[in-house]
Amino acid sequence: MKIDVKKVATLANLTLTPQEEHKFEKQLSEILTYVEKLNDVDVEGVEPTSQVTGLTNVTKNDNFSDDSLSQNAALSGAKNQNNGFFKVKAIFDNE
């Protein structure tokens, strides 16, 4: 199976050397040949499915109580605040 690696690389915004193009063309061809074997699988009578474990999402309702702190009370002990939020030193390095 012939793969247009240059076109795929362009679509993926990748710059490939000629050696990489040759290498990836061979690898992609092998992958697609392997995947084509799925066409030989007999799926007669098999229902399509996207979930096989039977699990469902479990959610919990948010419960708000009256004894929660107000924003002002929460910020009352803050050393630094800005526009109603806690102000802290940066924790991520901007490299």
C-alpha atoms as a PDB file:
ATOM      1  CA  MET A   1       0.000   0.000   0.000  1.00  0.00           C
ATOM      2  CA  LYS A   2       1.473   3.359  -1.055  1.00  0.00           C
ATOM      3  CA  ILE A   3       1.192   6.218   1.452  1.00  0.00           C
ATOM      4  CA  ASP A   4       1.679   9.891   0.519  1.00  0.00           C
ATOM      5  CA  VAL A   5       3.873  10.702   3.514  1.00  0.00           C
ATOM      6  CA  LYS A   6       4.628  14.225   2.262  1.00  0.00           C
ATOM      7  CA  LYS A   7       0.909  15.054   2.267  1.00  0.00           C
ATOM      8  CA  VAL A   8       0.380  13.541   5.727  1.00  0.00           C
ATOM      9  CA  ALA A   9       3.405  15.448   7.045  1.00  0.00           C
ATOM     10  CA  THR A  10       2.072  18.693   5.554  1.00  0.00           C
ATOM     11  CA  LEU A  11      -1.349  18.123   7.146  1.00  0.00           C
ATOM     12  CA  ALA A  12       0.360  17.469  10.498  1.00  0.00           C
ATOM     13  CA  ASN A  13       2.621  20.515  10.015  1.00  0.00           C
ATOM     14  CA  LEU A  14       5.742  18.341  10.198  1.00  0.00           C
ATOM     15  CA  THR A  15       9.010  18.833   8.388  1.00  0.00           C
ATOM     16  CA  LEU A  16      10.580  15.516   7.442  1.00  0.00           C
ATOM     17  CA  THR A  17      13.930  14.641   5.931  1.00  0.00           C
ATOM     18  CA  PRO A  18      13.921  12.317   2.910  1.00  0.00           C
ATOM     19  CA  GLN A  19      15.189   9.523   5.179  1.00  0.00           C
ATOM     20  CA  GLU A  20      12.296  10.097   7.602  1.00  0.00           C
ATOM     21  CA  GLU A  21       9.799  10.138   4.724  1.00  0.00           C
ATOM     22  CA  HIS A  22      11.050   6.747   3.545  1.00  0.00           C
ATOM     23  CA  LYS A  23      11.055   5.323   7.085  1.00  0.00           C
ATOM     24  CA  PHE A  24       7.526   6.550   7.879  1.00  0.00           C
ATOM     25  CA  GLU A  25       6.156   5.446   4.496  1.00  0.00           C
ATOM     26  CA  LYS A  26       7.304   1.909   5.262  1.00  0.00           C
ATOM     27  CA  GLN A  27       5.939   2.020   8.847  1.00  0.00           C
ATOM     28  CA  LEU A  28       2.556   3.474   7.854  1.00  0.00           C
ATOM     29  CA  SER A  29       2.168   0.910   5.076  1.00  0.00           C
ATOM     30  CA  GLU A  30       2.839  -1.916   7.541  1.00  0.00           C
ATOM     31  CA  ILE A  31       0.333  -0.470  10.036  1.00  0.00           C
ATOM     32  CA  LEU A  32      -2.414  -0.098   7.419  1.00  0.00           C
ATOM     33  CA  THR A  33      -1.783  -3.596   6.086  1.00  0.00           C
ATOM     34  CA  TYR A  34      -2.179  -4.959   9.601  1.00  0.00           C
ATOM     35  CA  VAL A  35      -5.375  -2.962  10.204  1.00  0.00           C
ATOM     36  CA  GLU A  36      -6.816  -4.206   6.894  1.00  0.00           C
ATOM     37  CA  LYS A  37      -6.889  -7.685   8.443  1.00  0.00           C
ATOM     38  CA  LEU A  38      -9.914  -6.463  10.423  1.00  0.00           C
ATOM     39  CA  ASN A  39     -11.906  -6.659   7.187  1.00  0.00           C
ATOM     40  CA  ASP A  40     -11.544 -10.456   7.375  1.00  0.00           C
ATOM     41  CA  VAL A  41     -13.204 -10.682  10.812  1.00  0.00           C
ATOM     42  CA  ASP A  42     -16.731 -12.109  10.718  1.00  0.00           C
ATOM     43  CA  VAL A  43     -18.960  -9.615  12.550  1.00  0.00           C
ATOM     44  CA  GLU A  44     -22.289 -11.001  11.333  1.00  0.00           C
ATOM     45  CA  GLY A  45     -24.857 -10.602  14.113  1.00  0.00           C
ATOM     46  CA  VAL A  46     -22.549  -8.572  16.368  1.00  0.00           C
ATOM     47  CA  GLU A  47     -24.233  -5.449  17.707  1.00  0.00           C
ATOM     48  CA  PRO A  48     -22.196  -2.233  17.449  1.00  0.00           C
ATOM     49  CA  THR A  49     -21.076  -0.947  20.837  1.00  0.00           C
ATOM     50  CA  SER A  50     -19.035   1.865  22.287  1.00  0.00           C
ATOM     51  CA  GLN A  51     -19.083   0.722  25.916  1.00  0.00           C
ATOM     52  CA  VAL A  52     -18.612  -2.820  27.176  1.00  0.00           C
ATOM     53  CA  THR A  53     -18.088  -2.596  30.935  1.00  0.00           C
ATOM     54  CA  GLY A  54     -21.652  -1.698  31.929  1.00  0.00           C
ATOM     55  CA  LEU A  55     -20.395   1.130  34.123  1.00  0.00           C
ATOM     56  CA  THR A  56     -22.273   4.420  34.241  1.00  0.00           C
ATOM     57  CA  ASN A  57     -21.287   7.873  35.396  1.00  0.00           C
ATOM     58  CA  VAL A  58     -21.900   8.439  39.069  1.00  0.00           C
ATOM     59  CA  THR A  59     -22.586  12.017  40.088  1.00  0.00           C
ATOM     60  CA  LYS A  60     -23.333  13.672  43.371  1.00  0.00           C
ATOM     61  CA  ASN A  61     -25.402  16.808  43.863  1.00  0.00           C
ATOM     62  CA  ASP A  62     -23.630  19.843  45.263  1.00  0.00           C
ATOM     63  CA  ASN A  63     -24.998  20.760  48.658  1.00  0.00           C
ATOM     64  CA  PHE A  64     -24.493  24.305  49.863  1.00  0.00           C
ATOM     65  CA  SER A  65     -24.880  25.099  53.515  1.00  0.00           C
ATOM     66  CA  ASP A  66     -25.497  28.416  55.228  1.00  0.00           C
ATOM     67  CA  ASP A  67     -22.455  27.975  57.466  1.00  0.00           C
ATOM     68  CA  SER A  68     -20.024  28.516  54.558  1.00  0.00           C
ATOM     69  CA  LEU A  69     -17.638  31.451  54.806  1.00  0.00           C
ATOM     70  CA  SER A  70     -18.449  34.597  52.886  1.00  0.00           C
ATOM     71  CA  GLN A  71     -15.819  35.873  50.479  1.00  0.00           C
ATOM     72  CA  ASN A  72     -14.924  38.725  52.845  1.00  0.00           C
ATOM     73  CA  ALA A  73     -14.599  36.346  55.812  1.00  0.00           C
ATOM     74  CA  ALA A  74     -12.408  33.974  53.804  1.00  0.00           C
ATOM     75  CA  LEU A  75     -10.141  36.835  52.721  1.00  0.00           C
ATOM     76  CA  SER A  76     -10.024  38.484  56.153  1.00  0.00           C
ATOM     77  CA  GLY A  77      -6.812  36.695  57.179  1.00  0.00           C
ATOM     78  CA  ALA A  78      -5.088  36.898  53.805  1.00  0.00           C
ATOM     79  CA  LYS A  79      -1.749  38.688  53.742  1.00  0.00           C
ATOM     80  CA  ASN A  80      -2.294  39.748  50.127  1.00  0.00           C
ATOM     81  CA  GLN A  81      -5.474  40.024  48.082  1.00  0.00           C
ATOM     82  CA  ASN A  82      -6.452  41.572  44.786  1.00  0.00           C
ATOM     83  CA  ASN A  83      -9.975  42.221  43.467  1.00  0.00           C
ATOM     84  CA  GLY A  84     -11.560  39.790  45.913  1.00  0.00           C
ATOM     85  CA  PHE A  85      -9.071  36.952  45.352  1.00  0.00           C
ATOM     86  CA  PHE A  86      -6.089  35.584  47.267  1.00  0.00           C
ATOM     87  CA  LYS A  87      -2.851  36.922  45.826  1.00  0.00           C
ATOM     88  CA  VAL A  88       0.079  34.488  45.929  1.00  0.00           C
ATOM     89  CA  LYS A  89       3.515  34.222  44.415  1.00  0.00           C
ATOM     90  CA  ALA A  90       3.708  32.496  41.030  1.00  0.00           C
ATOM     91  CA  ILE A  91       4.072  28.744  41.308  1.00  0.00           C
ATOM     92  CA  PHE A  92       4.985  27.986  37.694  1.00  0.00           C
ATOM     93  CA  ASP A  93       8.326  28.706  36.120  1.00  0.00           C
ATOM     94  CA  ASN A  94       7.975  30.779  32.927  1.00  0.00           C
ATOM     95  CA  GLU A  95      10.792  29.166  30.986  1.00  0.00           C
END
